[in-house]
Protein backbone atom coordinates (compact mmCIF):
# COMPACT_ATOMS: atom_id res chain seq x y z
CA UNK A 1 -24.02 197.13 152.25
CA UNK A 2 -22.95 197.09 155.98
CA UNK A 3 -19.36 197.11 155.20
CA UNK A 4 -19.92 200.07 152.57
CA UNK A 5 -22.02 202.06 155.25
CA UNK A 6 -19.07 201.37 157.95
CA UNK A 7 -16.51 202.68 155.41
CA UNK A 8 -18.50 205.66 154.66
CA UNK A 9 -18.88 206.35 158.34
CA UNK A 10 -15.21 205.80 159.18
CA UNK A 11 -14.36 208.14 156.51
CA UNK A 12 -16.57 210.69 157.92
CA UNK A 13 -15.16 210.26 161.34
CA UNK A 14 -11.57 210.39 160.04
CA UNK A 15 -12.24 213.70 158.16
CA UNK A 16 -13.81 215.28 161.32
CA UNK A 17 -10.90 214.22 163.50
CA UNK A 18 -8.56 215.74 161.06
CA UNK A 19 -10.23 219.21 161.29
CA UNK A 20 -10.38 219.03 164.96
CA UNK A 21 -6.60 218.51 165.02
CA UNK A 22 -6.01 221.48 162.41
CA UNK A 23 -8.20 223.63 164.56
CA UNK A 24 -6.25 223.03 167.87
CA UNK A 25 -2.81 223.53 165.71
CA UNK A 26 -4.26 226.92 164.88
CA UNK A 27 -5.30 227.67 168.43
CA UNK A 28 -1.70 226.62 169.49
CA UNK A 29 -0.17 228.89 166.63
CA UNK A 30 -2.14 232.09 167.66
CA UNK A 31 -1.60 231.38 171.18
CA UNK A 32 2.20 230.99 170.85
CA UNK A 33 2.20 234.06 168.70
CA UNK A 34 0.63 236.05 171.38
CA UNK A 35 3.12 234.82 174.13
CA UNK A 36 6.31 235.39 172.18
CA UNK A 37 5.95 239.40 172.13
CA UNK A 38 4.95 239.34 175.91
CA UNK A 39 8.21 237.06 176.70
CA UNK A 40 10.23 239.36 174.54
CA UNK A 41 9.02 242.50 176.41
CA UNK A 42 9.83 241.06 179.77
CA UNK A 43 13.38 240.37 178.70
CA UNK A 44 14.30 243.75 177.86
CA UNK A 45 17.05 245.25 180.20
CA UNK A 46 15.51 247.94 182.52
CA UNK A 47 16.82 251.45 182.14
CA UNK A 48 18.75 252.56 185.03
CA UNK A 49 17.86 255.92 186.55
CA UNK A 50 20.16 258.81 186.47
CA UNK A 51 22.89 258.71 189.27
CA UNK A 52 22.95 261.47 191.70
CA UNK A 53 26.25 263.41 191.70
CA UNK A 54 27.79 266.51 192.88
CA UNK A 55 30.03 268.61 190.38
CA UNK A 56 32.41 271.59 190.23
CA UNK A 57 33.61 273.89 187.48
CA UNK A 58 37.16 273.81 185.98
CA UNK A 59 38.47 277.36 186.11
CA UNK A 60 41.17 279.52 184.82
CA UNK A 61 42.99 281.78 187.21
CA UNK A 62 46.45 282.90 188.73
CA UNK A 63 47.49 280.48 191.49
CA UNK A 64 50.59 280.58 193.75
CA UNK A 65 53.20 277.62 193.63
CA UNK A 66 53.52 276.26 197.08
CA UNK A 67 55.08 273.75 199.01
CA UNK A 68 53.46 272.01 201.97
CA UNK A 69 55.38 270.36 204.83
CA UNK A 70 54.73 269.53 208.62
CA UNK A 71 56.68 272.19 210.77
CA UNK A 72 57.71 272.20 214.13
CA UNK A 73 57.73 275.32 216.15
CA UNK A 74 60.96 276.29 218.14
CA UNK A 75 61.58 278.96 220.61
CA UNK A 76 63.72 282.12 218.98
CA UNK A 77 66.26 281.73 221.93
CA UNK A 78 66.16 279.30 224.97
CA UNK A 79 68.04 280.48 228.04
CA UNK A 80 68.97 278.06 230.96
CA UNK A 81 69.36 280.49 233.91
CA UNK A 82 72.26 279.46 236.18
CA UNK A 83 73.80 281.40 239.25
CA UNK A 84 77.53 282.47 239.05
CA UNK A 85 77.82 282.30 242.59
CA UNK A 86 76.87 279.93 245.66
CA UNK A 87 74.57 280.91 248.50
CA UNK A 88 71.12 280.70 249.59
CA UNK A 89 68.27 281.58 247.62
CA UNK A 90 66.53 284.30 249.50
CA UNK A 91 63.76 285.24 246.96
CA UNK A 92 62.19 284.21 243.80
CA UNK A 93 60.40 287.20 242.17
CA UNK A 94 58.46 285.47 239.32
CA UNK A 95 55.68 282.64 239.11
CA UNK A 96 56.12 279.65 236.94
CA UNK A 97 54.96 280.25 233.59
CA UNK A 98 55.00 284.09 233.91
CA UNK A 99 55.89 286.34 231.01
CA UNK A 100 59.02 288.30 231.90
CA UNK A 101 60.80 291.09 230.04
CA UNK A 102 64.38 291.85 229.46
CA UNK A 103 65.63 293.15 232.82
CA UNK A 104 63.22 291.95 235.08
CA UNK A 105 64.73 290.61 238.19
CA UNK A 106 64.53 286.82 238.61
CA UNK A 107 66.26 285.58 241.85
CA UNK A 108 67.96 286.95 245.01
CA UNK A 109 70.67 285.28 246.41
CA UNK A 110 71.63 286.18 249.90
CA UNK A 111 74.17 289.04 249.48
CA UNK A 112 75.34 289.48 253.18
CA UNK A 113 78.47 287.42 252.55
CA UNK A 114 79.41 289.07 249.53
CA UNK A 115 78.84 292.51 251.22
CA UNK A 116 81.17 291.67 254.03
CA UNK A 117 83.86 290.56 251.63
CA UNK A 118 83.37 294.06 249.99
CA UNK A 119 83.89 295.80 253.30
CA UNK A 120 87.06 293.74 253.83
CA UNK A 121 88.42 294.47 250.66
CA UNK A 122 87.76 298.24 250.95
CA UNK A 123 89.52 298.16 254.47
CA UNK A 124 92.63 296.34 252.86
CA UNK A 125 92.62 298.56 250.20
CA UNK A 126 92.69 301.88 252.53
CA UNK A 127 95.61 300.37 254.55
CA UNK A 128 97.76 299.57 251.51
CA UNK A 129 97.06 303.26 250.13
CA UNK A 130 98.31 304.49 253.30
CA UNK A 131 101.43 302.60 253.19
CA UNK A 132 102.18 303.19 249.49
CA UNK A 133 101.66 307.22 250.03
CA UNK A 134 104.12 306.96 253.14
CA UNK A 135 106.83 305.02 250.93
CA UNK A 136 106.35 307.27 248.12
CA UNK A 137 106.96 310.21 250.19
CA UNK A 138 110.07 308.48 251.68
CA UNK A 139 111.31 307.55 248.24
CA UNK A 140 110.81 311.17 246.91
CA UNK A 141 112.77 312.65 249.84
CA UNK A 142 115.62 310.32 249.43
CA UNK A 143 115.70 311.28 245.86
CA UNK A 144 116.44 314.80 246.58
CA UNK A 145 119.11 313.58 249.23
CA UNK A 146 120.77 311.37 246.63
CA UNK A 147 120.82 314.23 244.31
CA UNK A 148 122.86 316.38 246.97
CA UNK A 149 125.20 313.51 247.82
CA UNK A 150 124.08 313.01 251.43
CA UNK A 151 122.92 309.69 251.30
CA UNK A 152 123.92 306.43 249.33
CA UNK A 153 122.28 305.71 245.98
CA UNK A 154 121.64 302.00 247.39
CA UNK A 155 119.59 303.46 250.26
CA UNK A 156 117.56 305.33 247.84
CA UNK A 157 116.76 302.38 245.47
CA UNK A 158 115.52 300.35 248.70
CA UNK A 159 112.74 303.07 249.39
CA UNK A 160 111.85 303.40 245.83
CA UNK A 161 111.34 299.63 245.51
CA UNK A 162 109.27 299.44 248.38
CA UNK A 163 106.99 302.33 247.10
CA UNK A 164 106.84 300.61 243.78
CA UNK A 165 105.82 297.30 245.61
CA UNK A 166 103.03 298.85 247.81
CA UNK A 167 101.80 300.60 244.48
CA UNK A 168 101.36 297.02 242.94
CA UNK A 169 99.61 296.09 246.14
CA UNK A 170 97.27 298.70 246.02
CA UNK A 171 96.35 297.91 242.47
CA UNK A 172 95.61 294.17 243.48
CA UNK A 173 93.58 295.35 246.17
CA UNK A 174 91.39 297.28 243.78
CA UNK A 175 91.02 294.22 241.67
CA UNK A 176 89.91 292.31 244.78
CA UNK A 177 87.30 294.93 245.41
CA UNK A 178 86.04 295.15 242.11
CA UNK A 179 85.71 291.24 242.05
CA UNK A 180 83.96 291.48 245.37
CA UNK A 181 81.43 294.02 243.85
CA UNK A 182 80.75 291.89 240.84
CA UNK A 183 80.12 288.82 243.06
CA UNK A 184 77.37 291.13 244.94
CA UNK A 185 75.80 291.81 241.59
CA UNK A 186 75.63 288.20 240.89
CA UNK A 187 73.32 287.90 244.06
CA UNK A 188 70.73 289.48 241.78
CA UNK A 189 69.88 287.66 238.62
CA UNK A 190 67.93 289.56 235.99
CA UNK A 191 66.40 288.01 232.77
CA UNK A 192 68.43 288.35 229.60
CA UNK A 193 65.50 288.00 227.17
CA UNK A 194 61.88 288.95 227.13
CA UNK A 195 59.99 285.44 227.14
CA UNK A 196 58.09 283.12 229.17
CA UNK A 197 59.28 281.18 232.03
CA UNK A 198 59.05 277.39 232.59
CA UNK A 199 59.06 275.21 235.69
CA UNK A 200 60.80 276.35 238.68
CA UNK A 201 63.52 274.20 239.61
CA UNK A 202 65.01 275.96 242.59
CA UNK A 203 62.78 277.31 245.36
CA UNK A 204 63.14 280.08 247.94
CA UNK A 205 65.54 278.83 250.79
CA UNK A 206 67.39 276.29 248.66
CA UNK A 207 71.12 276.36 248.74
CA UNK A 208 72.35 277.47 245.16
CA UNK A 209 75.59 276.17 243.85
CA UNK A 210 77.78 278.32 241.38
CA UNK A 211 77.49 277.10 237.84
CA UNK A 212 75.61 273.96 238.91
CA UNK A 213 74.64 271.48 236.26
CA UNK A 214 70.87 271.98 236.39
CA UNK A 215 69.36 275.46 235.79
CA UNK A 216 67.41 277.25 238.14
CA UNK A 217 64.63 277.95 235.40
CA UNK A 218 64.39 277.94 231.65
CA UNK A 219 63.15 280.94 229.70
CA UNK A 220 61.78 280.62 226.08
CA UNK A 221 61.58 283.64 223.67
CA UNK A 222 58.37 283.15 221.69
CA UNK A 223 58.20 286.74 219.97
CA UNK A 224 59.45 286.38 217.31
CA UNK A 225 59.56 282.61 217.12
CA UNK A 226 60.87 280.13 214.70
CA UNK A 227 59.04 277.18 212.53
CA UNK A 228 61.20 274.38 211.44
CA UNK A 229 60.29 272.30 208.31
CA UNK A 230 61.72 269.86 205.76
CA UNK A 231 61.18 269.79 202.23
CA UNK A 232 62.44 267.42 199.52
CA UNK A 233 65.57 268.20 198.05
CA UNK A 234 64.20 268.57 194.58
CA UNK A 235 62.70 271.92 195.51
CA UNK A 236 66.25 272.99 196.46
CA UNK A 237 67.11 274.76 193.19
CA UNK A 238 63.83 276.49 193.30
CA UNK A 239 64.12 277.80 196.80
CA UNK A 240 67.46 279.30 196.17
CA UNK A 241 66.34 280.76 192.86
CA UNK A 242 63.30 282.68 194.19
CA UNK A 243 65.30 283.57 197.56
CA UNK A 244 67.50 285.57 195.53
CA UNK A 245 64.78 287.83 194.14
CA UNK A 246 63.21 288.55 197.48
CA UNK A 247 61.83 287.31 200.68
CA UNK A 248 59.59 284.03 200.58
CA UNK A 249 56.42 284.11 202.47
CA UNK A 250 55.78 281.08 204.81
CA UNK A 251 52.17 280.27 206.36
CA UNK A 252 51.75 278.07 209.50
CA UNK A 253 48.08 276.61 209.92
CA UNK A 254 47.24 275.61 213.45
CA UNK A 255 44.64 273.00 213.66
CA UNK A 256 43.09 273.49 217.11
CA UNK A 257 40.02 275.85 217.24
CA UNK A 258 39.03 278.03 220.13
CA UNK A 259 35.60 277.81 222.23
CA UNK A 260 33.71 279.51 219.47
CA UNK A 261 34.92 277.31 216.60
CA UNK A 262 37.19 279.78 214.91
CA UNK A 263 40.72 278.84 214.46
CA UNK A 264 41.93 282.28 214.20
CA UNK A 265 43.40 282.02 210.70
CA UNK A 266 46.81 281.14 209.82
CA UNK A 267 49.93 282.77 211.16
CA UNK A 268 52.42 284.51 208.33
CA UNK A 269 56.19 284.58 208.59
CA UNK A 270 59.20 284.86 206.31
CA UNK A 271 61.71 282.17 205.37
CA UNK A 272 64.92 282.87 207.06
CA UNK A 273 67.14 279.98 207.01
CA UNK A 274 68.06 277.07 204.61
CA UNK A 275 70.38 274.42 206.05
CA UNK A 276 73.86 274.27 204.54
CA UNK A 277 73.28 270.30 204.11
CA UNK A 278 70.74 267.77 202.71
CA UNK A 279 69.76 265.18 205.02
CA UNK A 280 71.24 261.85 203.16
CA UNK A 281 69.05 259.53 205.24
CA UNK A 282 65.71 261.30 204.29
CA UNK A 283 66.58 263.34 201.08
CA UNK A 284 65.11 266.49 202.46
CA UNK A 285 66.46 269.91 203.22
CA UNK A 286 65.59 271.66 206.64
CA UNK A 287 64.26 275.26 206.41
CA UNK A 288 63.53 277.88 209.11
CA UNK A 289 60.81 280.51 208.99
CA UNK A 290 60.62 283.71 211.28
CA UNK A 291 57.11 284.66 212.81
CA UNK A 292 56.48 287.74 214.88
CA UNK A 293 53.71 285.54 216.97
CA UNK A 294 51.83 288.82 218.12
CA UNK A 295 49.07 286.84 219.72
CA UNK A 296 51.56 284.11 220.89
CA UNK A 297 49.52 281.29 219.05
CA UNK A 298 52.71 279.67 218.15
CA UNK A 299 54.33 277.60 220.95
CA UNK A 300 57.64 275.97 221.16
CA UNK A 301 57.21 272.12 220.43
CA UNK A 302 54.09 272.65 218.69
CA UNK A 303 53.30 271.00 215.37
CA UNK A 304 51.86 272.83 212.59
CA UNK A 305 51.26 272.90 208.69
CA UNK A 306 53.81 275.15 206.97
CA UNK A 307 53.17 276.31 203.50
CA UNK A 308 55.96 277.96 201.67
CA UNK A 309 55.04 280.10 198.64
CA UNK A 310 57.67 280.03 196.04
CA UNK A 311 56.05 282.25 192.92
CA UNK A 312 52.77 282.54 191.06
CA UNK A 313 51.57 280.65 188.08
CA UNK A 314 49.28 282.76 185.66
CA UNK A 315 46.28 281.34 183.56
CA UNK A 316 46.26 277.83 185.36
CA UNK A 317 43.52 275.36 184.81
CA UNK A 318 42.01 274.44 188.16
CA UNK A 319 39.74 271.68 189.00
CA UNK A 320 38.86 270.58 192.41
CA UNK A 321 40.99 268.15 194.04
CA UNK A 322 37.82 265.71 194.88
CA UNK A 323 37.10 265.17 190.99
CA UNK A 324 40.47 263.69 190.32
CA UNK A 325 40.36 259.86 190.33
CA UNK A 326 43.36 257.00 190.15
CA UNK A 327 42.59 254.15 187.94
CA UNK A 328 45.04 251.44 186.58
CA UNK A 329 45.91 253.68 183.56
CA UNK A 330 46.77 256.70 185.85
CA UNK A 331 44.40 259.67 186.87
CA UNK A 332 41.22 260.72 185.37
CA UNK A 333 38.05 262.72 185.95
CA UNK A 334 34.33 262.24 184.86
CA UNK A 335 33.42 265.25 182.70
CA UNK A 336 29.68 265.99 182.47
CA UNK A 337 28.29 266.58 178.89
CA UNK A 338 25.40 268.89 178.09
CA UNK A 339 22.95 265.96 177.82
CA UNK A 340 23.67 265.26 181.55
CA UNK A 341 25.92 261.90 180.54
CA UNK A 342 29.53 261.67 181.48
CA UNK A 343 32.81 260.97 179.92
CA UNK A 344 35.85 259.49 181.41
CA UNK A 345 38.95 261.60 180.65
CA UNK A 346 42.47 260.90 181.54
CA UNK A 347 44.31 264.06 183.14
CA UNK A 348 47.85 265.09 183.97
CA UNK A 349 47.73 266.79 187.52
CA UNK A 350 50.88 269.29 188.07
CA UNK A 351 50.23 270.42 191.52
CA UNK A 352 47.82 269.65 194.34
CA UNK A 353 47.19 271.70 197.29
CA UNK A 354 44.28 271.56 199.66
CA UNK A 355 40.87 271.24 197.77
CA UNK A 356 42.32 272.39 194.27
CA UNK A 357 44.40 270.67 191.48
CA UNK A 358 46.32 272.44 188.87
CA UNK A 359 45.74 270.49 185.53
CA UNK A 360 48.47 270.36 183.17
CA UNK A 361 46.55 268.34 180.25
CA UNK A 362 43.00 266.78 179.93
CA UNK A 363 40.64 269.81 180.95
CA UNK A 364 39.45 273.01 179.63
CA UNK A 365 38.07 275.98 181.59
CA UNK A 366 34.43 276.04 181.89
CA UNK A 367 33.97 272.30 181.91
CA UNK A 368 31.99 270.52 184.62
CA UNK A 369 33.35 267.79 186.44
CA UNK A 370 31.80 265.13 188.97
CA UNK A 371 33.47 265.85 192.41
CA UNK A 372 31.25 263.25 194.39
CA UNK A 373 29.43 259.99 193.61
CA UNK A 374 31.92 258.44 190.97
CA UNK A 375 31.66 255.08 192.39
CA UNK A 376 28.26 254.78 190.58
CA UNK A 377 29.39 256.04 187.31
CA UNK A 378 30.66 254.41 183.95
CA UNK A 379 31.38 255.88 180.77
CA UNK A 380 28.39 257.49 179.17
CA UNK A 381 26.16 256.80 182.17
CA UNK A 382 23.40 259.61 182.93
CA UNK A 383 23.75 261.47 185.96
CA UNK A 384 21.37 263.84 187.90
CA UNK A 385 23.40 266.85 189.35
CA UNK A 386 22.59 267.71 193.24
CA UNK A 387 24.37 270.86 193.64
CA UNK A 388 25.24 274.19 191.96
CA UNK A 389 28.41 273.69 190.18
CA UNK A 390 31.16 275.72 191.53
CA UNK A 391 34.90 276.20 190.68
CA UNK A 392 37.80 274.95 192.93
CA UNK A 393 37.82 276.71 196.55
CA UNK A 394 40.64 277.45 198.63
CA UNK A 395 44.07 278.48 197.70
CA UNK A 396 47.06 276.63 196.47
């Protein structure tokens, strides 16, 4: 009896234990089923916010075909003023850096020695003229006597020869006098051109040598003025082609601004010279443009940005230059779709100038392209536009 009761008691205990384990298993299953969706929810990728960008609009318009280069300003003419005679520099009639006009007096060299030379030459001439006149009169009288047979012909020839010799002497005296007067004119040195004087080398009181190695002053003519620049030889054929049909315009940009922050705009000139040879060391051809330079903003030795306009290209597709990026596969742009996502599109750039690029292939007029913020972008990324889309600015 006791064994039977114990067995029954143990059976009840085993059944109860089994139920507890089953209930615990259900609790664990329900807890795990609730935990899995929570974990799955936490592992979902976080959606990135739209990237802020600036954009521009692709436009179609007529643009000029231009070549840009670094130019150097050169004086239209440079005059090294030297004295043709020697003497003491009596007076300087200008200040260093002063503008002078053609014909303005610059220097006066002591004229007194040359005035004395003129007086001496005049006196010699007067003496020889008197002797020549007397000899000519004697020869004329003896000519009459020879015709009548009163004197020998040899005697007449002697007087005639003497008269001819004195006439030659008079002509030589006149040449000496003319030279003396010319030397006196050289005492007054005038400006041969209109321009600006440089540093004064010879000061008042210096003794000047005739045709010295060093000039007394240098004058640069700056109205008009030249701008020299070189372009790759590949443009030579186009330059000659368009020069044959008319004058080509050149624009010089001066970087320095005035006190008010205004740079005064570019200076305009015309292409006036194409060198007769290509530089074999650089593969470039030298060009020269002439500028009227009315405000004297261009200065000899100054560096400027020169832009030569060859022709115009109608109906060109133009995009902001800042939109064009360069990658491993070439140039590309990010195009903004209507849903504010971007597309990476390869492009072919025909020409770039300033802040505009002429697109040969890859874009259509009216499309919107990203001009700033490309580093944050990947294809199909969402963007937030921070500005009002505009077409390319500036001129090509």
